[in-house]
Amino acid sequence: MSDPYAPFLRNWIFPLAQQARGRNFLASLEEGRQNQSLDPDSLRSLRERKLKALLRHACETVPFYRRMFNLNGIKSEDIRSLDDLASLPLLTKEEILQEPESFVSSQPRTRPQLFRTSGSSGIPLVFNQDQDSITAGLVCRTRTLEAWGIKQGERYLKFHGGGLDSRLFPGITTVFKQRVIAPLEDRLMNRRFASAFGMNAQELDSLWEMMRRFRPRYIFGYPAAVEVLAGHILECGYDGRGLGLELVVCMGEIVFESQKALFRETFGCPTAEEYGAAEVGVMAYSYPCGEIHCMDDYLILEVLKKSAQDRAGEVVVTHLENWASPLIRYKLLDMAVPGRNEPSCPDGIAFSVLENITGRQFDMIHLPDGAVVHGMYFDAVMRKIAGVKRYQVTQLERGGFEFRLVLDSPDLLPEVEAEIKARMDRRFGARDVVVKLVEAIPPEPSGKFRYVRSNFPGKE
């Protein structure tokens, strides 16, 4: 169905809005398109040039890196190639949490903007990104959707978490943002938003009716949430293929082959995977060629295996564009399986390949009343509670919840416990909430940390 607003948004509104924020989006997009087809030598040269500039900037303007280079007896000019990067130590989230101000550059290249991670590892962070870094993420998403035949500005459904929930944070400001500002922004951006933080039959029916009227070209959301929607559509006998969807873009979690098959059965369209993190933006994307390509022109993604026999390794990333708070050899606490070393993409994409992303998965929380809530919602529950270093939430078999917390000080437990219980009561009406103070929260046997787990019988 023709959408006359999409070209207007693509060619005028969106570029002007980005320019007002200090982002040269159109020029960056054209450069990003060309980077996809660079020859190996040119791509390597581009990355090494960016890496050298970033290291020099970090060493001169970021206290943490100035100290780290001095302690290790390394100068930024010692890193002459991508291979030399391995001589630098790995960076952990704990190090950032200990002294976040030491990661802030005194001379950001473009205006810094404050962001907060989702806390998907149980360790939420607050950090800066500059406008060039944000632009890089927009370019990665836009050029990949173009490869799937979808142009920037076309209608889509945004189906995941986001924003503050007025039930958790009651107040005029939150309600105004949620009910007035956010819907206006969605309409301006030619999208509609559906929350994955509360999905009962009535809400899913309302979402279905909205999609029938709106006719999005694609869905962008958590695969577990889209799975609930697709299952509801099939169970109710609705014609999901009649929506005219051309793509389901999954983000934030592992995407299983069974989910891809369900989406194709329900909507008659393929599935793309976006692999990213709040700290570094978009890191990899699956293309129509069937491969997951890393965004090599904007970052360096390493997969570090414990032994040569292992298939999967830990993801370590260096973002080449964020000069506001550089992250160099940063451990994301994700796991992935690397692809072949040399690209030979049938579609001519120059970037390296990941065979699979294996380390992120969130349980859906099945409430006793039949509603389904995405596990990422607990990031909102834990937001702005001071003193929490790490947390893990388990839904118990009886339907209650157990919060295990690592705190800055044991003295904070009564205050933190009271706030968690109040928020859980406001959102879920949940009064069966246990809060426990622990010294540490170990990872799963796989080595990956799960910060939300569900043992409720309603979970399949």
Protein backbone atom coordinates (compact mmCIF):
# COMPACT_ATOMS: atom_id res chain seq x y z
CA MET A 1 0.00 0.00 0.00
CA SER A 2 1.37 3.40 -1.01
CA ASP A 3 2.56 5.63 1.82
CA PRO A 4 3.03 9.23 0.60
CA TYR A 5 4.38 10.33 3.98
CA ALA A 6 7.39 7.97 3.92
CA PRO A 7 9.42 9.89 1.23
CA PHE A 8 8.70 13.17 3.00
CA LEU A 9 9.97 11.73 6.29
CA ARG A 10 12.98 10.08 4.62
CA ASN A 11 14.11 13.08 2.56
CA TRP A 12 13.19 16.01 4.78
CA ILE A 13 11.93 15.49 8.32
CA PHE A 14 14.40 12.84 9.48
CA PRO A 15 17.56 14.40 7.97
CA LEU A 16 16.65 17.86 9.29
CA ALA A 17 15.91 16.44 12.75
CA GLN A 18 19.30 14.70 12.75
CA GLN A 19 21.05 17.84 11.56
CA ALA A 20 19.45 19.81 14.40
CA ARG A 21 21.10 17.34 16.79
CA GLY A 22 24.50 17.82 15.17
CA ARG A 23 24.41 14.64 13.10
CA ASN A 24 25.30 14.69 9.40
CA PHE A 25 23.12 11.67 8.68
CA LEU A 26 22.78 11.78 4.88
CA ALA A 27 26.53 12.11 4.24
CA SER A 28 27.27 9.39 6.80
CA LEU A 29 24.66 7.10 5.26
CA GLU A 30 26.16 7.45 1.79
CA GLU A 31 29.62 6.70 3.17
CA GLY A 32 28.23 3.70 5.08
CA ARG A 33 26.62 2.33 1.94
CA GLN A 34 29.93 2.49 0.10
CA ASN A 35 31.81 0.88 2.99
CA GLN A 36 29.77 -2.31 2.59
CA SER A 37 31.50 -3.08 -0.71
CA LEU A 38 35.08 -2.04 0.10
CA ASP A 39 37.87 -4.42 -0.85
CA PRO A 40 39.61 -6.11 2.13
CA ASP A 41 42.69 -3.88 2.05
CA SER A 42 40.67 -0.67 1.93
CA LEU A 43 38.40 -1.80 4.76
CA ARG A 44 41.37 -2.78 6.92
CA SER A 45 43.05 0.55 6.21
CA LEU A 46 39.88 2.43 7.19
CA ARG A 47 39.57 0.55 10.46
CA GLU A 48 43.22 0.94 11.41
CA ARG A 49 43.11 4.67 10.67
CA LYS A 50 40.06 5.05 12.92
CA LEU A 51 41.61 2.88 15.65
CA LYS A 52 44.84 4.91 15.75
CA ALA A 53 42.89 8.19 15.99
CA LEU A 54 40.67 6.80 18.77
CA LEU A 55 43.61 5.51 20.82
CA ARG A 56 45.48 8.79 20.50
CA HIS A 57 42.35 10.70 21.56
CA ALA A 58 41.69 8.36 24.51
CA CYS A 59 45.26 8.54 25.74
CA GLU A 60 45.29 12.36 25.61
CA THR A 61 41.80 13.21 26.91
CA VAL A 62 40.39 10.29 28.95
CA PRO A 63 41.84 9.82 32.47
CA PHE A 64 41.27 6.05 32.64
CA TYR A 65 43.13 5.33 29.41
CA ARG A 66 45.93 7.78 30.18
CA ARG A 67 46.52 5.91 33.43
CA MET A 68 46.07 2.47 31.84
CA PHE A 69 48.58 3.15 29.07
CA ASN A 70 51.14 4.49 31.57
CA LEU A 71 50.73 1.52 33.94
CA ASN A 72 51.25 -0.95 31.12
CA GLY A 73 54.15 0.95 29.57
CA ILE A 74 52.29 1.33 26.28
CA LYS A 75 52.01 4.34 24.02
CA SER A 76 49.07 4.83 21.67
CA GLU A 77 51.44 4.83 18.69
CA ASP A 78 52.54 1.30 19.65
CA ILE A 79 49.19 0.05 18.29
CA ARG A 80 49.90 0.13 14.57
CA SER A 81 47.47 -2.51 13.33
CA LEU A 82 44.31 -4.38 14.24
CA ASP A 83 46.45 -7.29 15.42
CA ASP A 84 48.24 -5.07 17.93
CA LEU A 85 44.98 -4.30 19.69
CA ALA A 86 45.25 -7.63 21.52
CA SER A 87 48.14 -6.24 23.57
CA LEU A 88 45.74 -3.96 25.46
CA PRO A 89 43.92 -5.23 28.57
CA LEU A 90 40.22 -6.03 28.53
CA LEU A 91 37.74 -3.55 30.00
CA THR A 92 34.96 -4.71 32.35
CA LYS A 93 31.69 -3.15 33.42
CA GLU A 94 32.86 -3.25 37.02
CA GLU A 95 35.78 -0.98 36.14
CA ILE A 96 33.41 1.55 34.60
CA LEU A 97 31.10 1.39 37.62
CA GLN A 98 33.98 2.03 40.04
CA GLU A 99 34.85 5.41 38.53
CA PRO A 100 32.55 6.35 35.61
CA GLU A 101 33.81 9.94 35.53
CA SER A 102 37.30 8.72 34.52
CA PHE A 103 35.91 7.44 31.20
CA VAL A 104 34.61 10.85 30.11
CA SER A 105 36.71 12.66 27.53
CA SER A 106 37.65 16.28 28.20
CA GLN A 107 37.44 16.94 24.44
CA PRO A 108 34.51 15.07 22.87
CA ARG A 109 34.45 15.32 19.09
CA THR A 110 30.72 16.10 19.01
CA ARG A 111 28.11 16.89 21.66
CA PRO A 112 27.88 14.08 24.24
CA GLN A 113 24.53 12.56 25.17
CA LEU A 114 23.76 10.58 28.31
CA PHE A 115 22.51 6.99 27.89
CA ARG A 116 21.70 4.12 30.20
CA THR A 117 22.12 0.42 29.46
CA SER A 118 19.24 -2.01 29.80
CA GLY A 119 20.96 -3.88 32.61
CA SER A 120 20.60 -7.13 30.66
CA SER A 121 23.70 -8.45 32.44
CA GLY A 122 22.34 -7.41 35.80
CA ILE A 123 24.78 -4.47 35.83
CA PRO A 124 23.17 -1.27 34.50
CA LEU A 125 25.49 1.51 33.38
CA VAL A 126 25.13 5.22 32.72
CA PHE A 127 27.52 6.54 30.06
CA ASN A 128 28.05 9.10 27.29
CA GLN A 129 27.83 8.72 23.53
CA ASP A 130 28.66 11.47 21.09
CA GLN A 131 26.61 12.32 18.02
CA ASP A 132 28.96 10.54 15.61
CA SER A 133 28.47 7.32 17.55
CA ILE A 134 24.68 7.67 17.49
CA THR A 135 24.79 8.43 13.78
CA ALA A 136 26.82 5.27 13.15
CA GLY A 137 24.08 3.17 14.73
CA LEU A 138 21.40 4.84 12.61
CA VAL A 139 23.47 4.25 9.47
CA CYS A 140 23.98 0.55 10.28
CA ARG A 141 20.27 -0.02 10.77
CA THR A 142 19.22 2.02 7.73
CA ARG A 143 21.62 0.48 5.23
CA THR A 144 20.80 -3.06 6.33
CA LEU A 145 17.05 -2.49 6.06
CA GLU A 146 17.72 -1.13 2.57
CA ALA A 147 19.38 -4.45 1.74
CA TRP A 148 16.07 -6.09 2.73
CA GLY A 149 14.17 -3.71 0.46
CA ILE A 150 12.85 -1.40 3.17
CA LYS A 151 13.62 2.31 2.93
CA GLN A 152 14.07 4.66 5.85
CA GLY A 153 10.80 6.31 6.84
CA GLU A 154 8.46 3.46 5.97
CA ARG A 155 5.84 2.34 8.46
CA TYR A 156 6.85 -0.04 11.19
CA LEU A 157 5.72 -1.47 14.51
CA LYS A 158 8.11 -1.01 17.43
CA PHE A 159 7.41 -3.91 19.79
CA HIS A 160 9.63 -3.90 22.83
CA GLY A 161 10.25 -1.99 26.05
CA GLY A 162 11.02 1.66 26.31
CA GLY A 163 10.30 4.76 28.30
CA LEU A 164 9.10 5.02 31.85
CA ASP A 165 5.97 3.23 33.00
CA SER A 166 3.63 5.58 34.85
CA ARG A 167 2.59 2.65 37.04
CA LEU A 168 6.14 2.37 38.33
CA PHE A 169 6.93 6.08 38.37
CA PRO A 170 3.65 7.88 38.94
CA GLY A 171 3.77 11.60 38.35
CA ILE A 172 2.67 14.31 35.95
CA THR A 173 5.93 14.32 34.01
CA THR A 174 5.98 10.57 33.41
CA VAL A 175 2.31 10.42 32.45
CA PHE A 176 2.70 13.38 30.07
CA LYS A 177 5.73 11.80 28.36
CA GLN A 178 4.07 8.40 28.10
CA ARG A 179 0.63 9.50 26.93
CA VAL A 180 1.33 12.69 24.97
CA ILE A 181 4.96 13.12 23.89
CA ALA A 182 5.70 9.48 22.98
CA PRO A 183 2.60 9.00 20.75
CA LEU A 184 3.36 12.28 18.95
CA GLU A 185 6.94 11.18 18.30
CA ASP A 186 5.72 7.80 17.04
CA ARG A 187 3.39 9.40 14.53
CA LEU A 188 6.06 11.80 13.36
CA MET A 189 8.42 8.85 12.81
CA ASN A 190 5.72 6.84 10.98
CA ARG A 191 5.65 4.08 13.54
CA ARG A 192 3.46 2.64 16.23
CA PHE A 193 4.61 1.36 19.60
CA ALA A 194 3.44 -1.75 21.43
CA SER A 195 4.74 -2.62 24.87
CA ALA A 196 6.21 -6.04 25.55
CA PHE A 197 5.75 -5.35 29.24
CA GLY A 198 2.16 -6.53 29.47
CA MET A 199 0.46 -8.84 26.98
CA ASN A 200 -2.90 -10.35 27.84
CA ALA A 201 -5.49 -11.51 25.31
CA GLN A 202 -7.31 -8.18 25.26
CA GLU A 203 -4.13 -6.19 24.66
CA LEU A 204 -3.02 -8.58 21.91
CA ASP A 205 -6.40 -8.21 20.20
CA SER A 206 -6.06 -4.43 20.36
CA LEU A 207 -2.57 -4.71 18.89
CA TRP A 208 -3.90 -6.88 16.08
CA GLU A 209 -6.59 -4.32 15.22
CA MET A 210 -4.05 -1.52 15.23
CA MET A 211 -1.80 -3.46 12.86
CA ARG A 212 -4.71 -4.11 10.49
CA ARG A 213 -5.38 -0.37 10.31
CA PHE A 214 -1.78 0.85 10.27
CA ARG A 215 -0.32 -1.75 7.86
CA PRO A 216 3.36 -1.64 8.93
CA ARG A 217 6.00 -2.77 6.45
CA TYR A 218 7.98 -4.46 9.21
CA ILE A 219 8.07 -5.26 12.94
CA PHE A 220 11.05 -4.27 15.09
CA GLY A 221 11.06 -5.94 18.47
CA TYR A 222 11.99 -8.63 20.97
CA PRO A 223 11.61 -12.07 19.36
CA ALA A 224 9.96 -13.49 22.48
CA ALA A 225 7.34 -10.74 22.36
CA VAL A 226 6.71 -11.18 18.63
CA GLU A 227 6.41 -14.92 19.30
CA VAL A 228 3.58 -14.28 21.77
CA LEU A 229 1.84 -12.04 19.22
CA ALA A 230 2.27 -14.55 16.38
CA GLY A 231 0.97 -17.39 18.53
CA HIS A 232 -2.10 -15.33 19.45
CA ILE A 233 -2.79 -14.51 15.80
CA LEU A 234 -2.63 -18.18 14.80
CA GLU A 235 -4.69 -19.32 17.78
CA CYS A 236 -7.42 -16.80 16.97
CA GLY A 237 -7.42 -17.67 13.26
CA TYR A 238 -6.50 -14.15 12.15
CA ASP A 239 -4.96 -13.63 8.71
CA GLY A 240 -1.44 -12.52 9.64
CA ARG A 241 -0.25 -12.83 6.04
CA GLY A 242 -2.89 -10.35 4.99
CA LEU A 243 -1.06 -7.60 6.89
CA GLY A 244 1.50 -7.39 4.09
CA LEU A 245 4.53 -7.49 6.41
CA GLU A 246 7.83 -7.82 4.58
CA LEU A 247 10.19 -8.39 7.51
CA VAL A 248 10.41 -9.12 11.23
CA VAL A 249 13.52 -7.51 12.74
CA CYS A 250 14.47 -9.12 16.05
CA MET A 251 16.69 -7.45 18.63
CA GLY A 252 17.82 -7.83 22.22
CA GLU A 253 17.72 -11.66 22.43
CA ILE A 254 18.73 -14.91 20.80
CA VAL A 255 16.49 -15.66 17.82
CA PHE A 256 15.64 -19.35 17.51
CA GLU A 257 14.96 -21.14 14.24
CA SER A 258 11.56 -22.19 15.62
CA GLN A 259 10.69 -18.51 16.06
CA LYS A 260 11.75 -17.68 12.50
CA ALA A 261 9.58 -20.54 11.24
CA LEU A 262 6.63 -19.28 13.31
CA PHE A 263 7.00 -15.74 11.95
CA ARG A 264 7.12 -17.01 8.39
CA GLU A 265 4.05 -19.17 8.98
CA THR A 266 2.15 -16.32 10.61
CA PHE A 267 3.23 -13.32 8.55
CA GLY A 268 4.67 -14.88 5.40
CA CYS A 269 7.94 -12.96 5.69
CA PRO A 270 11.60 -13.57 6.65
CA THR A 271 13.33 -12.58 9.89
CA ALA A 272 16.40 -10.37 10.31
CA GLU A 273 18.53 -10.21 13.46
CA GLU A 274 19.99 -7.00 14.88
CA TYR A 275 22.76 -7.56 17.41
CA GLY A 276 23.56 -4.50 19.46
CA ALA A 277 24.09 -3.05 22.92
CA ALA A 278 23.26 0.32 24.39
CA GLU A 279 26.94 1.06 25.08
CA VAL A 280 28.08 0.53 21.49
CA GLY A 281 24.97 0.62 19.31
CA VAL A 282 24.46 -1.80 16.44
CA MET A 283 27.25 -4.37 16.19
CA ALA A 284 26.00 -6.89 13.62
CA TYR A 285 23.03 -7.51 11.34
CA SER A 286 21.76 -10.44 9.32
CA TYR A 287 21.49 -9.73 5.60
CA PRO A 288 19.34 -11.37 2.90
CA CYS A 289 22.38 -13.47 1.97
CA GLY A 290 21.69 -15.41 5.16
CA GLU A 291 24.80 -14.28 7.04
CA ILE A 292 25.25 -12.12 10.14
CA HIS A 293 27.71 -9.39 9.20
CA CYS A 294 29.61 -7.33 11.77
CA MET A 295 29.59 -3.56 11.31
CA ASP A 296 33.34 -3.53 10.69
CA ASP A 297 33.58 0.07 9.51
CA TYR A 298 32.37 1.37 12.89
CA LEU A 299 33.73 -1.13 15.42
CA ILE A 300 36.13 -3.97 16.07
CA LEU A 301 34.37 -7.07 17.38
CA GLU A 302 36.53 -9.84 18.85
CA VAL A 303 35.32 -13.29 19.88
CA LEU A 304 37.72 -14.61 22.50
CA LYS A 305 37.64 -18.38 23.05
CA LYS A 306 39.01 -20.07 26.15
CA SER A 307 40.45 -22.85 23.98
CA ALA A 308 40.82 -23.59 20.29
CA GLN A 309 38.31 -26.44 20.65
CA ASP A 310 35.50 -24.12 21.76
CA ARG A 311 32.95 -23.04 19.16
CA ALA A 312 31.74 -19.98 21.08
CA GLY A 313 33.73 -17.25 22.77
CA GLU A 314 33.20 -14.05 24.70
CA VAL A 315 32.33 -10.92 22.74
CA VAL A 316 34.75 -8.01 23.18
CA VAL A 317 34.12 -4.78 21.30
CA THR A 318 35.99 -1.56 20.53
CA HIS A 319 33.73 1.17 19.19
CA LEU A 320 35.62 3.41 16.78
CA GLU A 321 33.20 6.34 16.71
CA ASN A 322 32.41 7.20 20.33
CA TRP A 323 34.96 9.78 21.44
CA ALA A 324 32.83 11.04 24.34
CA SER A 325 33.39 7.93 26.50
CA PRO A 326 35.59 5.51 24.54
CA LEU A 327 35.16 1.80 25.20
CA ILE A 328 38.26 -0.12 24.12
CA ARG A 329 38.28 -3.94 24.29
CA TYR A 330 35.07 -3.85 26.31
CA LYS A 331 33.64 -7.15 27.61
CA LEU A 332 29.93 -7.21 26.85
CA LEU A 333 29.26 -10.46 28.75
CA ASP A 334 27.76 -11.92 25.57
CA MET A 335 28.79 -15.10 23.78
CA ALA A 336 29.03 -15.68 20.03
CA VAL A 337 30.32 -18.15 17.45
CA PRO A 338 32.66 -16.51 14.92
CA GLY A 339 32.29 -17.15 11.22
CA ARG A 340 34.97 -17.59 8.62
CA ASN A 341 37.97 -15.27 8.72
CA GLU A 342 37.78 -14.07 5.13
CA PRO A 343 34.47 -12.73 3.79
CA SER A 344 33.11 -14.29 0.61
CA CYS A 345 29.54 -13.03 0.81
CA PRO A 346 27.35 -13.94 -2.20
CA ASP A 347 25.90 -10.41 -2.07
CA GLY A 348 29.32 -8.77 -1.94
CA ILE A 349 29.12 -7.48 1.65
CA ALA A 350 32.70 -6.77 2.73
CA PHE A 351 32.22 -7.21 6.46
CA SER A 352 33.24 -10.14 8.65
CA VAL A 353 30.75 -12.77 9.78
CA LEU A 354 29.32 -14.17 12.99
CA GLU A 355 27.97 -17.69 12.68
CA ASN A 356 25.69 -17.27 15.67
CA ILE A 357 25.01 -15.16 18.76
CA THR A 358 24.49 -17.55 21.64
CA GLY A 359 24.69 -15.56 24.83
CA ARG A 360 21.58 -13.45 25.39
CA GLN A 361 18.16 -14.71 26.28
CA PHE A 362 15.38 -13.39 28.46
CA ASP A 363 12.61 -15.40 30.03
CA MET A 364 9.05 -14.31 29.48
CA ILE A 365 7.26 -13.88 32.78
CA HIS A 366 3.88 -15.64 32.83
CA LEU A 367 1.62 -14.14 35.47
CA PRO A 368 -1.08 -16.11 37.27
CA ASP A 369 -3.82 -14.03 35.58
CA GLY A 370 -2.65 -15.19 32.13
CA ALA A 371 -0.78 -12.03 31.16
CA VAL A 372 2.73 -12.30 29.73
CA VAL A 373 5.48 -9.79 30.53
CA HIS A 374 8.88 -9.58 28.89
CA GLY A 375 11.77 -10.15 31.28
CA MET A 376 13.39 -6.86 30.25
CA TYR A 377 10.70 -5.13 32.29
CA PHE A 378 12.76 -5.70 35.41
CA ASP A 379 15.23 -3.15 34.12
CA ALA A 380 12.45 -0.60 34.66
CA VAL A 381 11.69 -2.04 38.09
CA MET A 382 15.34 -1.63 39.13
CA ARG A 383 15.87 1.74 37.46
CA LYS A 384 17.36 4.51 39.60
CA ILE A 385 17.63 2.40 42.76
CA ALA A 386 20.92 3.57 44.21
CA GLY A 387 23.52 1.18 45.54
CA VAL A 388 22.63 -1.90 43.44
CA LYS A 389 25.79 -3.33 41.87
CA ARG A 390 24.21 -6.46 40.36
CA TYR A 391 20.85 -8.16 40.53
CA GLN A 392 19.04 -11.30 39.45
CA VAL A 393 15.27 -11.88 39.45
CA THR A 394 13.73 -15.35 39.59
CA GLN A 395 10.03 -16.01 39.23
CA LEU A 396 9.26 -18.84 41.61
CA GLU A 397 7.01 -21.81 40.93
CA ARG A 398 4.30 -20.37 43.14
CA GLY A 399 4.28 -17.22 40.99
CA GLY A 400 6.17 -15.04 43.45
CA PHE A 401 9.48 -13.30 42.79
CA GLU A 402 12.91 -13.53 44.37
CA PHE A 403 15.39 -10.66 43.96
CA ARG A 404 19.04 -11.47 44.70
CA LEU A 405 21.09 -8.31 45.13
CA VAL A 406 24.74 -7.36 45.39
CA LEU A 407 24.79 -3.95 47.08
CA ASP A 408 27.42 -1.30 47.73
CA SER A 409 26.64 -1.64 51.44
CA PRO A 410 24.49 -4.10 53.46
CA ASP A 411 23.02 -1.09 55.25
CA LEU A 412 21.13 -0.20 52.07
CA LEU A 413 19.07 -3.42 52.10
CA PRO A 414 15.98 -2.16 54.03
CA GLU A 415 15.57 0.90 51.79
CA VAL A 416 16.20 -1.02 48.55
CA GLU A 417 13.87 -3.85 49.62
CA ALA A 418 11.05 -1.44 50.41
CA GLU A 419 11.38 0.31 47.04
CA ILE A 420 11.44 -2.98 45.05
CA LYS A 421 8.37 -4.31 46.85
CA ALA A 422 6.48 -1.04 46.33
CA ARG A 423 7.23 -1.06 42.58
CA MET A 424 6.32 -4.72 42.16
CA ASP A 425 3.03 -4.10 43.93
CA ARG A 426 2.22 -1.07 41.75
CA ARG A 427 3.00 -2.89 38.50
CA PHE A 428 1.97 -6.50 39.08
CA GLY A 429 -0.02 -6.35 42.29
CA ALA A 430 2.73 -8.74 43.42
CA ARG A 431 3.08 -9.01 47.16
CA ASP A 432 4.90 -12.34 47.21
CA VAL A 433 8.32 -10.73 46.76
CA VAL A 434 11.47 -11.93 48.53
CA VAL A 435 14.61 -9.76 48.52
CA LYS A 436 17.93 -11.38 49.45
CA LEU A 437 21.35 -9.85 49.92
CA VAL A 438 24.18 -11.98 48.48
CA GLU A 439 27.91 -11.49 48.10
CA ALA A 440 28.03 -12.54 44.44
CA ILE A 441 25.79 -13.89 41.69
CA PRO A 442 27.56 -16.58 39.63
CA PRO A 443 27.02 -17.06 35.90
CA GLU A 444 25.23 -19.99 34.30
CA PRO A 445 27.28 -23.13 33.44
CA SER A 446 27.52 -21.72 29.90
CA GLY A 447 29.41 -18.74 31.29
CA LYS A 448 26.60 -16.33 30.43
CA PHE A 449 24.80 -14.39 33.14
CA ARG A 450 20.98 -14.52 33.17
CA TYR A 451 19.49 -11.70 35.14
CA VAL A 452 15.86 -12.85 34.75
CA ARG A 453 14.71 -16.45 35.22
CA SER A 454 11.21 -17.90 35.32
CA ASN A 455 10.16 -21.15 37.00
CA PHE A 456 6.45 -20.42 36.86
CA PRO A 457 4.39 -23.45 35.73
CA GLY A 458 2.69 -21.41 33.02
CA LYS A 459 6.02 -21.10 31.23
CA GLU A 460 6.44 -23.65 28.47
